[in-house]
């Protein structure tokens, strides 16, 4: 096992978690579809879903660009070279994970598959326990007071 200073995770947990949650939502819907909303509300939530997906993609792209500009890795199993605090990192310490969670909710609203919406917080919780908490220990060991000050100002999710 590598030192947490060098690498926060041994596996890229967040992509594995989100893919597993999506697969589980599809399987659950196939095995036990849950009722959706009446047509009038379904159309409204369909439109809201597209706005949520657009917002999620915008957050993800902005976060990737901020990390690229800072010349640090986007890969959750590699060590960070620089602490990124600008762009979407100014309002959430985990914009990519927030974007992934929003994406699941948006797809649920668009598709009418309630399982996406129900499993999104489960995937977010698993991401926090399997990745975020280790990443935060990595960042604190790597950047010390700078990270502690940043984490006091900016919330983990929103």
Protein backbone atom coordinates (compact mmCIF):
# COMPACT_ATOMS: atom_id res chain seq x y z
CA UNK A 1 0.00 0.00 0.00
CA UNK A 2 1.29 3.45 -0.85
CA UNK A 3 1.73 6.27 1.64
CA UNK A 4 -1.35 8.52 1.76
CA UNK A 5 0.97 11.49 1.21
CA UNK A 6 1.80 10.11 -2.22
CA UNK A 7 -1.59 8.76 -3.22
CA UNK A 8 -4.95 9.17 -1.49
CA UNK A 9 -6.52 5.98 -2.89
CA UNK A 10 -5.33 2.74 -4.40
CA UNK A 11 -8.35 2.54 -6.70
CA UNK A 12 -10.12 5.34 -8.54
CA UNK A 13 -13.18 4.83 -6.29
CA UNK A 14 -15.46 7.63 -7.52
CA UNK A 15 -15.75 6.42 -11.14
CA UNK A 16 -16.31 2.85 -9.90
CA UNK A 17 -18.98 4.01 -7.45
CA UNK A 18 -20.88 6.13 -9.97
CA UNK A 19 -20.86 3.38 -12.62
CA UNK A 20 -22.03 0.84 -10.01
CA UNK A 21 -24.82 3.19 -8.86
CA UNK A 22 -25.99 3.75 -12.45
CA UNK A 23 -25.95 0.00 -13.15
CA UNK A 24 -27.80 -0.69 -9.91
CA UNK A 25 -30.43 1.96 -10.72
CA UNK A 26 -31.05 0.41 -14.14
CA UNK A 27 -31.20 -3.10 -12.69
CA UNK A 28 -33.51 -2.03 -9.86
CA UNK A 29 -35.81 -0.27 -12.34
CA UNK A 30 -35.91 -3.39 -14.48
CA UNK A 31 -36.65 -5.65 -11.50
CA UNK A 32 -38.93 -3.31 -9.55
CA UNK A 33 -39.99 -0.14 -11.35
CA UNK A 34 -41.21 2.57 -9.02
CA UNK A 35 -44.18 4.80 -9.86
CA UNK A 36 -43.40 8.17 -11.39
CA UNK A 37 -45.28 11.44 -11.40
CA UNK A 38 -48.46 12.34 -13.29
CA UNK A 39 -47.81 13.52 -16.85
CA UNK A 40 -48.08 17.26 -16.09
CA UNK A 41 -45.45 17.07 -13.33
CA UNK A 42 -43.32 14.59 -15.28
CA UNK A 43 -42.92 17.11 -18.10
CA UNK A 44 -41.89 19.80 -15.63
CA UNK A 45 -39.34 17.51 -13.97
CA UNK A 46 -38.09 16.43 -17.42
CA UNK A 47 -37.22 20.07 -18.15
CA UNK A 48 -35.68 20.54 -14.69
CA UNK A 49 -33.65 17.37 -15.27
CA UNK A 50 -32.06 18.87 -18.36
CA UNK A 51 -31.13 21.99 -16.38
CA UNK A 52 -29.60 19.83 -13.64
CA UNK A 53 -27.61 17.83 -16.23
CA UNK A 54 -26.41 21.04 -17.91
CA UNK A 55 -25.35 22.41 -14.52
CA UNK A 56 -23.56 19.17 -13.65
CA UNK A 57 -21.64 19.16 -16.93
CA UNK A 58 -20.73 22.85 -16.49
CA UNK A 59 -19.41 22.18 -12.96
CA UNK A 60 -17.45 19.13 -14.14
CA UNK A 61 -15.86 20.99 -17.05
CA UNK A 62 -15.02 24.02 -14.92
CA UNK A 63 -13.44 21.77 -12.26
CA UNK A 64 -11.38 19.86 -14.85
CA UNK A 65 -10.19 23.12 -16.37
CA UNK A 66 -9.25 24.53 -12.94
CA UNK A 67 -7.26 21.38 -12.16
CA UNK A 68 -5.59 21.46 -15.56
CA UNK A 69 -4.62 25.12 -15.13
CA UNK A 70 -3.16 24.27 -11.71
CA UNK A 71 -1.23 21.39 -13.33
CA UNK A 72 -2.54 18.80 -10.92
CA UNK A 73 -4.10 15.43 -11.56
CA UNK A 74 -7.79 14.78 -11.97
CA UNK A 75 -7.29 11.08 -11.18
CA UNK A 76 -8.57 10.29 -7.66
CA UNK A 77 -5.92 7.62 -7.09
CA UNK A 78 -2.96 9.91 -7.82
CA UNK A 79 -1.41 12.46 -5.49
CA UNK A 80 -2.19 16.14 -5.87
CA UNK A 81 0.67 18.43 -6.88
CA UNK A 82 -1.21 21.64 -6.11
CA UNK A 83 -4.18 22.66 -3.97
CA UNK A 84 -6.88 24.01 -6.27
CA UNK A 85 -9.10 26.64 -4.63
CA UNK A 86 -10.38 28.64 -7.61
CA UNK A 87 -13.26 28.15 -10.02
CA UNK A 88 -15.89 25.76 -8.69
CA UNK A 89 -13.48 24.78 -5.90
CA UNK A 90 -14.28 28.18 -4.36
CA UNK A 91 -17.82 27.01 -3.46
CA UNK A 92 -17.35 23.23 -3.03
CA UNK A 93 -14.26 21.18 -2.19
CA UNK A 94 -15.55 18.36 -4.41
CA UNK A 95 -17.07 19.83 -7.57
CA UNK A 96 -16.51 16.70 -9.66
CA UNK A 97 -18.28 14.49 -7.12
CA UNK A 98 -21.04 17.06 -6.76
CA UNK A 99 -21.37 17.11 -10.56
CA UNK A 100 -21.57 13.31 -10.71
CA UNK A 101 -24.29 13.28 -8.06
CA UNK A 102 -26.21 16.02 -9.87
CA UNK A 103 -25.86 14.05 -13.11
CA UNK A 104 -27.51 11.00 -11.53
CA UNK A 105 -30.38 13.13 -10.22
CA UNK A 106 -30.78 14.85 -13.60
CA UNK A 107 -30.87 11.55 -15.48
CA UNK A 108 -33.49 10.31 -13.03
CA UNK A 109 -35.64 13.38 -13.63
CA UNK A 110 -35.26 13.09 -17.42
CA UNK A 111 -35.84 9.35 -17.63
CA UNK A 112 -38.50 9.11 -14.95
CA UNK A 113 -36.50 6.37 -13.24
CA UNK A 114 -36.80 7.14 -9.55
CA UNK A 115 -33.99 4.72 -8.70
CA UNK A 116 -31.40 7.18 -10.06
CA UNK A 117 -32.64 9.82 -7.64
CA UNK A 118 -32.79 7.39 -4.70
CA UNK A 119 -29.32 5.97 -5.34
CA UNK A 120 -27.60 9.33 -5.95
CA UNK A 121 -27.22 10.13 -2.22
CA UNK A 122 -26.13 6.54 -1.57
CA UNK A 123 -23.38 6.93 -4.21
CA UNK A 124 -22.45 10.32 -2.72
CA UNK A 125 -22.16 8.79 0.77
CA UNK A 126 -20.03 5.91 -0.55
CA UNK A 127 -17.83 8.39 -2.42
CA UNK A 128 -17.37 10.40 0.74
CA UNK A 129 -16.44 7.35 2.83
CA UNK A 130 -14.26 5.57 0.23
CA UNK A 131 -12.60 8.54 -1.46
CA UNK A 132 -13.24 12.04 -0.12
CA UNK A 133 -12.20 11.40 3.46
CA UNK A 134 -8.94 9.78 2.31
CA UNK A 135 -8.37 12.56 -0.22
CA UNK A 136 -8.82 15.14 2.51
CA UNK A 137 -6.27 13.37 4.74
CA UNK A 138 -3.91 13.31 1.74
CA UNK A 139 -4.43 17.03 1.11
CA UNK A 140 -3.93 17.91 4.76
CA UNK A 141 -0.69 15.91 4.94
CA UNK A 142 0.47 17.40 1.66
CA UNK A 143 -0.58 21.05 2.10
CA UNK A 144 -1.04 21.41 5.88
CA UNK A 145 -2.37 24.75 7.10
CA UNK A 146 -3.23 25.89 3.58
CA UNK A 147 -5.70 22.99 3.22
CA UNK A 148 -7.06 23.40 6.76
CA UNK A 149 -7.75 27.10 6.11
CA UNK A 150 -9.39 26.26 2.78
CA UNK A 151 -11.59 23.56 4.35
CA UNK A 152 -12.76 26.03 7.01
CA UNK A 153 -13.95 28.44 4.27
CA UNK A 154 -15.35 25.99 1.71
CA UNK A 155 -17.83 23.22 2.44
CA UNK A 156 -17.24 19.61 1.44
CA UNK A 157 -20.31 19.38 -0.81
CA UNK A 158 -22.30 22.64 -1.02
